[in-house]
Structure formats: structure tokens, C-alpha cells
mmCIF file of all heavy atoms, coordinates in Angstrom:
data_MODEL
# 
_entry.id   MODEL 
# 
loop_
_atom_site.group_PDB 
_atom_site.id 
_atom_site.type_symbol 
_atom_site.label_atom_id 
_atom_site.label_alt_id 
_atom_site.label_comp_id 
_atom_site.label_asym_id 
_atom_site.label_entity_id 
_atom_site.label_seq_id 
_atom_site.pdbx_PDB_ins_code 
_atom_site.Cartn_x 
_atom_site.Cartn_y 
_atom_site.Cartn_z 
_atom_site.occupancy 
_atom_site.B_iso_or_equiv 
_atom_site.pdbx_formal_charge 
_atom_site.auth_seq_id 
_atom_site.auth_comp_id 
_atom_site.auth_asym_id 
_atom_site.auth_atom_id 
_atom_site.pdbx_PDB_model_num 
ATOM 1   N N   . ALA A 1 1  ? 3.851   -1.375 -8.182  1.00 0.00 ? 1  ALA A N   1 
ATOM 2   C CA  . ALA A 1 1  ? 2.587   -2.115 -8.229  1.00 0.00 ? 1  ALA A CA  1 
ATOM 3   C C   . ALA A 1 1  ? 1.531   -1.241 -8.806  1.00 0.00 ? 1  ALA A C   1 
ATOM 4   O O   . ALA A 1 1  ? 1.353   -0.163 -8.380  1.00 0.00 ? 1  ALA A O   1 
ATOM 5   C CB  . ALA A 1 1  ? 2.201   -2.586 -6.855  1.00 0.00 ? 1  ALA A CB  1 
ATOM 6   N N   . ILE A 1 2  ? 0.798   -1.789 -9.827  1.00 0.00 ? 2  ILE A N   1 
ATOM 7   C CA  . ILE A 1 2  ? -0.379  -1.112 -10.348 1.00 0.00 ? 2  ILE A CA  1 
ATOM 8   C C   . ILE A 1 2  ? -1.597  -1.857 -9.821  1.00 0.00 ? 2  ILE A C   1 
ATOM 9   O O   . ILE A 1 2  ? -1.710  -3.016 -10.081 1.00 0.00 ? 2  ILE A O   1 
ATOM 10  C CB  . ILE A 1 2  ? -0.343  -1.142 -11.919 1.00 0.00 ? 2  ILE A CB  1 
ATOM 11  C CG1 . ILE A 1 2  ? 1.022   -0.677 -12.453 1.00 0.00 ? 2  ILE A CG1 1 
ATOM 12  C CG2 . ILE A 1 2  ? -1.499  -0.338 -12.504 1.00 0.00 ? 2  ILE A CG2 1 
ATOM 13  C CD1 . ILE A 1 2  ? 1.325   0.701  -12.239 1.00 0.00 ? 2  ILE A CD1 1 
ATOM 14  N N   . ILE A 1 3  ? -2.441  -1.117 -9.126  1.00 0.00 ? 3  ILE A N   1 
ATOM 15  C CA  . ILE A 1 3  ? -3.581  -1.774 -8.453  1.00 0.00 ? 3  ILE A CA  1 
ATOM 16  C C   . ILE A 1 3  ? -4.842  -0.978 -8.698  1.00 0.00 ? 3  ILE A C   1 
ATOM 17  O O   . ILE A 1 3  ? -4.791  0.165  -9.196  1.00 0.00 ? 3  ILE A O   1 
ATOM 18  C CB  . ILE A 1 3  ? -3.339  -1.912 -6.933  1.00 0.00 ? 3  ILE A CB  1 
ATOM 19  C CG1 . ILE A 1 3  ? -3.240  -0.518 -6.281  1.00 0.00 ? 3  ILE A CG1 1 
ATOM 20  C CG2 . ILE A 1 3  ? -2.149  -2.793 -6.662  1.00 0.00 ? 3  ILE A CG2 1 
ATOM 21  C CD1 . ILE A 1 3  ? -3.263  -0.552 -4.793  1.00 0.00 ? 3  ILE A CD1 1 
ATOM 22  N N   . LYS A 1 4  ? -5.974  -1.549 -8.339  1.00 0.00 ? 4  LYS A N   1 
ATOM 23  C CA  . LYS A 1 4  ? -7.296  -0.853 -8.411  1.00 0.00 ? 4  LYS A CA  1 
ATOM 24  C C   . LYS A 1 4  ? -7.296  0.214  -7.304  1.00 0.00 ? 4  LYS A C   1 
ATOM 25  O O   . LYS A 1 4  ? -6.788  -0.033 -6.164  1.00 0.00 ? 4  LYS A O   1 
ATOM 26  C CB  . LYS A 1 4  ? -8.429  -1.821 -8.252  1.00 0.00 ? 4  LYS A CB  1 
ATOM 27  C CG  . LYS A 1 4  ? -8.581  -2.758 -9.418  1.00 0.00 ? 4  LYS A CG  1 
ATOM 28  C CD  . LYS A 1 4  ? -9.753  -3.655 -9.283  1.00 0.00 ? 4  LYS A CD  1 
ATOM 29  C CE  . LYS A 1 4  ? -9.930  -4.504 -10.546 1.00 0.00 ? 4  LYS A CE  1 
ATOM 30  N NZ  . LYS A 1 4  ? -11.153 -5.330 -10.430 1.00 0.00 ? 4  LYS A NZ  1 
ATOM 31  N N   . PRO A 1 5  ? -7.866  1.382  -7.612  1.00 0.00 ? 5  PRO A N   1 
ATOM 32  C CA  . PRO A 1 5  ? -7.849  2.483  -6.647  1.00 0.00 ? 5  PRO A CA  1 
ATOM 33  C C   . PRO A 1 5  ? -8.450  2.143  -5.248  1.00 0.00 ? 5  PRO A C   1 
ATOM 34  O O   . PRO A 1 5  ? -7.910  2.553  -4.227  1.00 0.00 ? 5  PRO A O   1 
ATOM 35  C CB  . PRO A 1 5  ? -8.647  3.580  -7.317  1.00 0.00 ? 5  PRO A CB  1 
ATOM 36  C CG  . PRO A 1 5  ? -8.471  3.319  -8.776  1.00 0.00 ? 5  PRO A CG  1 
ATOM 37  C CD  . PRO A 1 5  ? -8.435  1.790  -8.885  1.00 0.00 ? 5  PRO A CD  1 
ATOM 38  N N   . PHE A 1 6  ? -9.515  1.367  -5.200  1.00 0.00 ? 6  PHE A N   1 
ATOM 39  C CA  . PHE A 1 6  ? -10.141 1.109  -3.944  1.00 0.00 ? 6  PHE A CA  1 
ATOM 40  C C   . PHE A 1 6  ? -9.382  0.116  -3.056  1.00 0.00 ? 6  PHE A C   1 
ATOM 41  O O   . PHE A 1 6  ? -9.685  -0.099 -1.911  1.00 0.00 ? 6  PHE A O   1 
ATOM 42  C CB  . PHE A 1 6  ? -11.621 0.626  -4.136  1.00 0.00 ? 6  PHE A CB  1 
ATOM 43  C CG  . PHE A 1 6  ? -11.736 -0.714 -4.832  1.00 0.00 ? 6  PHE A CG  1 
ATOM 44  C CD1 . PHE A 1 6  ? -11.766 -1.846 -4.130  1.00 0.00 ? 6  PHE A CD1 1 
ATOM 45  C CD2 . PHE A 1 6  ? -11.870 -0.792 -6.251  1.00 0.00 ? 6  PHE A CD2 1 
ATOM 46  C CE1 . PHE A 1 6  ? -11.870 -3.090 -4.728  1.00 0.00 ? 6  PHE A CE1 1 
ATOM 47  C CE2 . PHE A 1 6  ? -11.965 -1.962 -6.891  1.00 0.00 ? 6  PHE A CE2 1 
ATOM 48  C CZ  . PHE A 1 6  ? -12.009 -3.140 -6.163  1.00 0.00 ? 6  PHE A CZ  1 
ATOM 49  N N   . LYS A 1 7  ? -8.302  -0.417 -3.602  1.00 0.00 ? 7  LYS A N   1 
ATOM 50  C CA  . LYS A 1 7  ? -7.507  -1.393 -2.807  1.00 0.00 ? 7  LYS A CA  1 
ATOM 51  C C   . LYS A 1 7  ? -6.305  -0.675 -2.157  1.00 0.00 ? 7  LYS A C   1 
ATOM 52  O O   . LYS A 1 7  ? -5.499  -1.366 -1.439  1.00 0.00 ? 7  LYS A O   1 
ATOM 53  C CB  . LYS A 1 7  ? -6.953  -2.506 -3.727  1.00 0.00 ? 7  LYS A CB  1 
ATOM 54  C CG  . LYS A 1 7  ? -8.095  -3.500 -4.089  1.00 0.00 ? 7  LYS A CG  1 
ATOM 55  C CD  . LYS A 1 7  ? -8.475  -4.227 -2.854  1.00 0.00 ? 7  LYS A CD  1 
ATOM 56  C CE  . LYS A 1 7  ? -9.307  -5.463 -3.189  1.00 0.00 ? 7  LYS A CE  1 
ATOM 57  N NZ  . LYS A 1 7  ? -9.543  -6.255 -1.958  1.00 0.00 ? 7  LYS A NZ  1 
ATOM 58  N N   . LEU A 1 8  ? -6.121  0.608  -2.349  1.00 0.00 ? 8  LEU A N   1 
ATOM 59  C CA  . LEU A 1 8  ? -4.909  1.304  -1.830  1.00 0.00 ? 8  LEU A CA  1 
ATOM 60  C C   . LEU A 1 8  ? -4.764  1.164  -0.303  1.00 0.00 ? 8  LEU A C   1 
ATOM 61  O O   . LEU A 1 8  ? -3.677  0.825  0.131   1.00 0.00 ? 8  LEU A O   1 
ATOM 62  C CB  . LEU A 1 8  ? -4.946  2.754  -2.247  1.00 0.00 ? 8  LEU A CB  1 
ATOM 63  C CG  . LEU A 1 8  ? -3.789  3.611  -1.664  1.00 0.00 ? 8  LEU A CG  1 
ATOM 64  C CD1 . LEU A 1 8  ? -2.466  3.085  -2.099  1.00 0.00 ? 8  LEU A CD1 1 
ATOM 65  C CD2 . LEU A 1 8  ? -3.947  5.093  -2.080  1.00 0.00 ? 8  LEU A CD2 1 
ATOM 66  N N   . ASP A 1 9  ? -5.811  1.403  0.440   1.00 0.00 ? 9  ASP A N   1 
ATOM 67  C CA  . ASP A 1 9  ? -5.671  1.354  1.929   1.00 0.00 ? 9  ASP A CA  1 
ATOM 68  C C   . ASP A 1 9  ? -5.331  -0.011 2.400   1.00 0.00 ? 9  ASP A C   1 
ATOM 69  O O   . ASP A 1 9  ? -4.519  -0.182 3.305   1.00 0.00 ? 9  ASP A O   1 
ATOM 70  C CB  . ASP A 1 9  ? -6.989  1.860  2.531   1.00 0.00 ? 9  ASP A CB  1 
ATOM 71  C CG  . ASP A 1 9  ? -7.182  3.345  2.472   1.00 0.00 ? 9  ASP A CG  1 
ATOM 72  O OD1 . ASP A 1 9  ? -6.156  4.071  2.301   1.00 0.00 ? 9  ASP A OD1 1 
ATOM 73  O OD2 . ASP A 1 9  ? -8.346  3.823  2.506   1.00 0.00 ? 9  ASP A OD2 1 
ATOM 74  N N   . GLU A 1 10 ? -5.948  -1.022 1.779   1.00 0.00 ? 10 GLU A N   1 
ATOM 75  C CA  . GLU A 1 10 ? -5.626  -2.393 2.143   1.00 0.00 ? 10 GLU A CA  1 
ATOM 76  C C   . GLU A 1 10 ? -4.150  -2.739 1.892   1.00 0.00 ? 10 GLU A C   1 
ATOM 77  O O   . GLU A 1 10 ? -3.487  -3.397 2.706   1.00 0.00 ? 10 GLU A O   1 
ATOM 78  C CB  . GLU A 1 10 ? -6.509  -3.384 1.423   1.00 0.00 ? 10 GLU A CB  1 
ATOM 79  C CG  . GLU A 1 10 ? -7.988  -3.353 1.895   1.00 0.00 ? 10 GLU A CG  1 
ATOM 80  C CD  . GLU A 1 10 ? -8.856  -4.264 1.073   1.00 0.00 ? 10 GLU A CD  1 
ATOM 81  O OE1 . GLU A 1 10 ? -8.527  -5.454 0.999   1.00 0.00 ? 10 GLU A OE1 1 
ATOM 82  O OE2 . GLU A 1 10 ? -9.919  -3.777 0.563   1.00 0.00 ? 10 GLU A OE2 1 
ATOM 83  N N   . VAL A 1 11 ? -3.661  -2.315 0.725   1.00 0.00 ? 11 VAL A N   1 
ATOM 84  C CA  . VAL A 1 11 ? -2.274  -2.614 0.367   1.00 0.00 ? 11 VAL A CA  1 
ATOM 85  C C   . VAL A 1 11 ? -1.315  -1.856 1.314   1.00 0.00 ? 11 VAL A C   1 
ATOM 86  O O   . VAL A 1 11 ? -0.354  -2.422 1.784   1.00 0.00 ? 11 VAL A O   1 
ATOM 87  C CB  . VAL A 1 11 ? -1.957  -2.245 -1.087  1.00 0.00 ? 11 VAL A CB  1 
ATOM 88  C CG1 . VAL A 1 11 ? -0.531  -2.288 -1.385  1.00 0.00 ? 11 VAL A CG1 1 
ATOM 89  C CG2 . VAL A 1 11 ? -2.754  -3.186 -2.022  1.00 0.00 ? 11 VAL A CG2 1 
ATOM 90  N N   . ARG A 1 12 ? -1.618  -0.593 1.590   1.00 0.00 ? 12 ARG A N   1 
ATOM 91  C CA  . ARG A 1 12 ? -0.783  0.206  2.480   1.00 0.00 ? 12 ARG A CA  1 
ATOM 92  C C   . ARG A 1 12 ? -0.715  -0.435 3.873   1.00 0.00 ? 12 ARG A C   1 
ATOM 93  O O   . ARG A 1 12 ? 0.317   -0.558 4.474   1.00 0.00 ? 12 ARG A O   1 
ATOM 94  C CB  . ARG A 1 12 ? -1.319  1.619  2.620   1.00 0.00 ? 12 ARG A CB  1 
ATOM 95  C CG  . ARG A 1 12 ? -0.419  2.533  3.472   1.00 0.00 ? 12 ARG A CG  1 
ATOM 96  C CD  . ARG A 1 12 ? -1.077  3.897  3.740   1.00 0.00 ? 12 ARG A CD  1 
ATOM 97  N NE  . ARG A 1 12 ? -2.412  3.824  4.250   1.00 0.00 ? 12 ARG A NE  1 
ATOM 98  C CZ  . ARG A 1 12 ? -2.778  3.533  5.497   1.00 0.00 ? 12 ARG A CZ  1 
ATOM 99  N NH1 . ARG A 1 12 ? -1.854  3.297  6.415   1.00 0.00 ? 12 ARG A NH1 1 
ATOM 100 N NH2 . ARG A 1 12 ? -4.063  3.505  5.870   1.00 0.00 ? 12 ARG A NH2 1 
ATOM 101 N N   . GLU A 1 13 ? -1.884  -0.895 4.373   1.00 0.00 ? 13 GLU A N   1 
ATOM 102 C CA  . GLU A 1 13 ? -1.890  -1.505 5.725   1.00 0.00 ? 13 GLU A CA  1 
ATOM 103 C C   . GLU A 1 13 ? -1.109  -2.824 5.664   1.00 0.00 ? 13 GLU A C   1 
ATOM 104 O O   . GLU A 1 13 ? -0.384  -3.169 6.629   1.00 0.00 ? 13 GLU A O   1 
ATOM 105 C CB  . GLU A 1 13 ? -3.349  -1.806 6.133   1.00 0.00 ? 13 GLU A CB  1 
ATOM 106 C CG  . GLU A 1 13 ? -4.049  -0.532 6.526   1.00 0.00 ? 13 GLU A CG  1 
ATOM 107 C CD  . GLU A 1 13 ? -5.562  -0.727 6.760   1.00 0.00 ? 13 GLU A CD  1 
ATOM 108 O OE1 . GLU A 1 13 ? -5.950  -1.911 6.900   1.00 0.00 ? 13 GLU A OE1 1 
ATOM 109 O OE2 . GLU A 1 13 ? -6.322  0.246  6.798   1.00 0.00 ? 13 GLU A OE2 1 
ATOM 110 N N   . ALA A 1 14 ? -1.218  -3.632 4.586   1.00 0.00 ? 14 ALA A N   1 
ATOM 111 C CA  . ALA A 1 14 ? -0.528  -4.886 4.528   1.00 0.00 ? 14 ALA A CA  1 
ATOM 112 C C   . ALA A 1 14 ? 1.011   -4.676 4.515   1.00 0.00 ? 14 ALA A C   1 
ATOM 113 O O   . ALA A 1 14 ? 1.733   -5.382 5.138   1.00 0.00 ? 14 ALA A O   1 
ATOM 114 C CB  . ALA A 1 14 ? -0.966  -5.670 3.271   1.00 0.00 ? 14 ALA A CB  1 
ATOM 115 N N   . LEU A 1 15 ? 1.420   -3.632 3.758   1.00 0.00 ? 15 LEU A N   1 
ATOM 116 C CA  . LEU A 1 15 ? 2.872   -3.350 3.710   1.00 0.00 ? 15 LEU A CA  1 
ATOM 117 C C   . LEU A 1 15 ? 3.376   -2.805 5.071   1.00 0.00 ? 15 LEU A C   1 
ATOM 118 O O   . LEU A 1 15 ? 4.427   -3.149 5.507   1.00 0.00 ? 15 LEU A O   1 
ATOM 119 C CB  . LEU A 1 15 ? 3.114   -2.281 2.646   1.00 0.00 ? 15 LEU A CB  1 
ATOM 120 C CG  . LEU A 1 15 ? 3.017   -2.813 1.224   1.00 0.00 ? 15 LEU A CG  1 
ATOM 121 C CD1 . LEU A 1 15 ? 3.071   -1.660 0.180   1.00 0.00 ? 15 LEU A CD1 1 
ATOM 122 C CD2 . LEU A 1 15 ? 4.092   -3.878 0.889   1.00 0.00 ? 15 LEU A CD2 1 
ATOM 123 N N   . SER A 1 16 ? 2.518   -2.036 5.729   1.00 0.00 ? 16 SER A N   1 
ATOM 124 C CA  . SER A 1 16 ? 2.873   -1.518 7.054   1.00 0.00 ? 16 SER A CA  1 
ATOM 125 C C   . SER A 1 16 ? 3.061   -2.635 8.070   1.00 0.00 ? 16 SER A C   1 
ATOM 126 O O   . SER A 1 16 ? 3.913   -2.586 8.903   1.00 0.00 ? 16 SER A O   1 
ATOM 127 C CB  . SER A 1 16 ? 1.815   -0.516 7.532   1.00 0.00 ? 16 SER A CB  1 
ATOM 128 O OG  . SER A 1 16 ? 2.145   0.006  8.779   1.00 0.00 ? 16 SER A OG  1 
ATOM 129 N N   . GLU A 1 17 ? 2.178   -3.664 8.004   1.00 0.00 ? 17 GLU A N   1 
ATOM 130 C CA  . GLU A 1 17 ? 2.262   -4.840 8.898   1.00 0.00 ? 17 GLU A CA  1 
ATOM 131 C C   . GLU A 1 17 ? 3.565   -5.564 8.774   1.00 0.00 ? 17 GLU A C   1 
ATOM 132 O O   . GLU A 1 17 ? 3.995   -6.182 9.729   1.00 0.00 ? 17 GLU A O   1 
ATOM 133 C CB  . GLU A 1 17 ? 1.111   -5.738 8.661   1.00 0.00 ? 17 GLU A CB  1 
ATOM 134 C CG  . GLU A 1 17 ? -0.251  -5.202 9.184   1.00 0.00 ? 17 GLU A CG  1 
ATOM 135 C CD  . GLU A 1 17 ? -1.408  -6.049 8.847   1.00 0.00 ? 17 GLU A CD  1 
ATOM 136 O OE1 . GLU A 1 17 ? -1.209  -7.218 8.313   1.00 0.00 ? 17 GLU A OE1 1 
ATOM 137 O OE2 . GLU A 1 17 ? -2.560  -5.661 9.027   1.00 0.00 ? 17 GLU A OE2 1 
ATOM 138 N N   . ILE A 1 18 ? 4.185   -5.555 7.564   1.00 0.00 ? 18 ILE A N   1 
ATOM 139 C CA  . ILE A 1 18 ? 5.457   -6.270 7.438   1.00 0.00 ? 18 ILE A CA  1 
ATOM 140 C C   . ILE A 1 18 ? 6.669   -5.346 7.577   1.00 0.00 ? 18 ILE A C   1 
ATOM 141 O O   . ILE A 1 18 ? 7.756   -5.737 7.278   1.00 0.00 ? 18 ILE A O   1 
ATOM 142 C CB  . ILE A 1 18 ? 5.521   -7.038 6.094   1.00 0.00 ? 18 ILE A CB  1 
ATOM 143 C CG1 . ILE A 1 18 ? 5.480   -6.128 4.885   1.00 0.00 ? 18 ILE A CG1 1 
ATOM 144 C CG2 . ILE A 1 18 ? 4.456   -8.114 6.040   1.00 0.00 ? 18 ILE A CG2 1 
ATOM 145 C CD1 . ILE A 1 18 ? 5.837   -6.790 3.581   1.00 0.00 ? 18 ILE A CD1 1 
ATOM 146 N N   . GLY A 1 19 ? 6.379   -4.116 8.005   1.00 0.00 ? 19 GLY A N   1 
ATOM 147 C CA  . GLY A 1 19 ? 7.492   -3.190 8.350   1.00 0.00 ? 19 GLY A CA  1 
ATOM 148 C C   . GLY A 1 19 ? 7.905   -2.224 7.238   1.00 0.00 ? 19 GLY A C   1 
ATOM 149 O O   . GLY A 1 19 ? 8.928   -1.538 7.375   1.00 0.00 ? 19 GLY A O   1 
ATOM 150 N N   . ILE A 1 20 ? 7.145   -2.203 6.139   1.00 0.00 ? 20 ILE A N   1 
ATOM 151 C CA  . ILE A 1 20 ? 7.477   -1.244 5.128   1.00 0.00 ? 20 ILE A CA  1 
ATOM 152 C C   . ILE A 1 20 ? 6.637   0.014  5.306   1.00 0.00 ? 20 ILE A C   1 
ATOM 153 O O   . ILE A 1 20 ? 5.412   -0.009 5.260   1.00 0.00 ? 20 ILE A O   1 
ATOM 154 C CB  . ILE A 1 20 ? 7.209   -1.862 3.720   1.00 0.00 ? 20 ILE A CB  1 
ATOM 155 C CG1 . ILE A 1 20 ? 8.131   -3.068 3.486   1.00 0.00 ? 20 ILE A CG1 1 
ATOM 156 C CG2 . ILE A 1 20 ? 7.343   -0.812 2.598   1.00 0.00 ? 20 ILE A CG2 1 
ATOM 157 C CD1 . ILE A 1 20 ? 7.814   -3.848 2.252   1.00 0.00 ? 20 ILE A CD1 1 
ATOM 158 N N   . THR A 1 21 ? 7.329   1.082  5.611   1.00 0.00 ? 21 THR A N   1 
ATOM 159 C CA  . THR A 1 21 ? 6.594   2.319  5.968   1.00 0.00 ? 21 THR A CA  1 
ATOM 160 C C   . THR A 1 21 ? 6.642   3.393  4.912   1.00 0.00 ? 21 THR A C   1 
ATOM 161 O O   . THR A 1 21 ? 5.807   4.269  4.865   1.00 0.00 ? 21 THR A O   1 
ATOM 162 C CB  . THR A 1 21 ? 7.225   2.915  7.270   1.00 0.00 ? 21 THR A CB  1 
ATOM 163 O OG1 . THR A 1 21 ? 8.617   3.106  7.086   1.00 0.00 ? 21 THR A OG1 1 
ATOM 164 C CG2 . THR A 1 21 ? 6.969   1.938  8.461   1.00 0.00 ? 21 THR A CG2 1 
ATOM 165 N N   . GLY A 1 22 ? 7.645   3.352  4.036   1.00 0.00 ? 22 GLY A N   1 
ATOM 166 C CA  . GLY A 1 22 ? 7.790   4.391  3.001   1.00 0.00 ? 22 GLY A CA  1 
ATOM 167 C C   . GLY A 1 22 ? 7.268   3.925  1.685   1.00 0.00 ? 22 GLY A C   1 
ATOM 168 O O   . GLY A 1 22 ? 7.662   2.835  1.190   1.00 0.00 ? 22 GLY A O   1 
ATOM 169 N N   . LEU A 1 23 ? 6.399   4.709  1.068   1.00 0.00 ? 23 LEU A N   1 
ATOM 170 C CA  . LEU A 1 23 ? 5.976   4.373  -0.276  1.00 0.00 ? 23 LEU A CA  1 
ATOM 171 C C   . LEU A 1 23 ? 5.547   5.647  -0.998  1.00 0.00 ? 23 LEU A C   1 
ATOM 172 O O   . LEU A 1 23 ? 5.204   6.654  -0.335  1.00 0.00 ? 23 LEU A O   1 
ATOM 173 C CB  . LEU A 1 23 ? 4.811   3.362  -0.265  1.00 0.00 ? 23 LEU A CB  1 
ATOM 174 C CG  . LEU A 1 23 ? 3.544   3.628  0.506   1.00 0.00 ? 23 LEU A CG  1 
ATOM 175 C CD1 . LEU A 1 23 ? 2.483   4.332  -0.299  1.00 0.00 ? 23 LEU A CD1 1 
ATOM 176 C CD2 . LEU A 1 23 ? 3.020   2.266  1.002   1.00 0.00 ? 23 LEU A CD2 1 
ATOM 177 N N   . THR A 1 24 ? 5.461   5.590  -2.314  1.00 0.00 ? 24 THR A N   1 
ATOM 178 C CA  . THR A 1 24 ? 5.026   6.692  -3.144  1.00 0.00 ? 24 THR A CA  1 
ATOM 179 C C   . THR A 1 24 ? 3.835   6.209  -3.876  1.00 0.00 ? 24 THR A C   1 
ATOM 180 O O   . THR A 1 24 ? 3.839   5.129  -4.420  1.00 0.00 ? 24 THR A O   1 
ATOM 181 C CB  . THR A 1 24 ? 6.194   7.126  -4.147  1.00 0.00 ? 24 THR A CB  1 
ATOM 182 O OG1 . THR A 1 24 ? 7.295   7.498  -3.377  1.00 0.00 ? 24 THR A OG1 1 
ATOM 183 C CG2 . THR A 1 24 ? 5.684   8.338  -4.937  1.00 0.00 ? 24 THR A CG2 1 
ATOM 184 N N   . VAL A 1 25 ? 2.799   7.036  -3.988  1.00 0.00 ? 25 VAL A N   1 
ATOM 185 C CA  . VAL A 1 25 ? 1.592   6.671  -4.660  1.00 0.00 ? 25 VAL A CA  1 
ATOM 186 C C   . VAL A 1 25 ? 1.274   7.765  -5.730  1.00 0.00 ? 25 VAL A C   1 
ATOM 187 O O   . VAL A 1 25 ? 1.414   8.931  -5.487  1.00 0.00 ? 25 VAL A O   1 
ATOM 188 C CB  . VAL A 1 25 ? 0.397   6.670  -3.645  1.00 0.00 ? 25 VAL A CB  1 
ATOM 189 C CG1 . VAL A 1 25 ? -0.923  6.365  -4.317  1.00 0.00 ? 25 VAL A CG1 1 
ATOM 190 C CG2 . VAL A 1 25 ? 0.688   5.584  -2.601  1.00 0.00 ? 25 VAL A CG2 1 
ATOM 191 N N   . ALA A 1 26 ? 0.837   7.275  -6.897  1.00 0.00 ? 26 ALA A N   1 
ATOM 192 C CA  . ALA A 1 26 ? 0.434   8.155  -7.969  1.00 0.00 ? 26 ALA A CA  1 
ATOM 193 C C   . ALA A 1 26 ? -0.865  7.589  -8.611  1.00 0.00 ? 26 ALA A C   1 
ATOM 194 O O   . ALA A 1 26 ? -1.043  6.408  -8.723  1.00 0.00 ? 26 ALA A O   1 
ATOM 195 C CB  . ALA A 1 26 ? 1.551   8.261  -9.005  1.00 0.00 ? 26 ALA A CB  1 
# 
């Protein structure tokens, strides 16, 4: 996923809520 930088925390929290805990960010 390519997203706007200021949306990172919201996306991480949304993924965490559905049980996805591992991700790589660049």
C-alpha cells in the first residue's frame, strides 16, 4: 500500500484491529 505519510498511524491501528500485527514500512 502506498499512502500519505500522515495516515500511517491510522492504517497501522486499523490493521492491528483486524489481527494483522506484522508489517514493513518504508
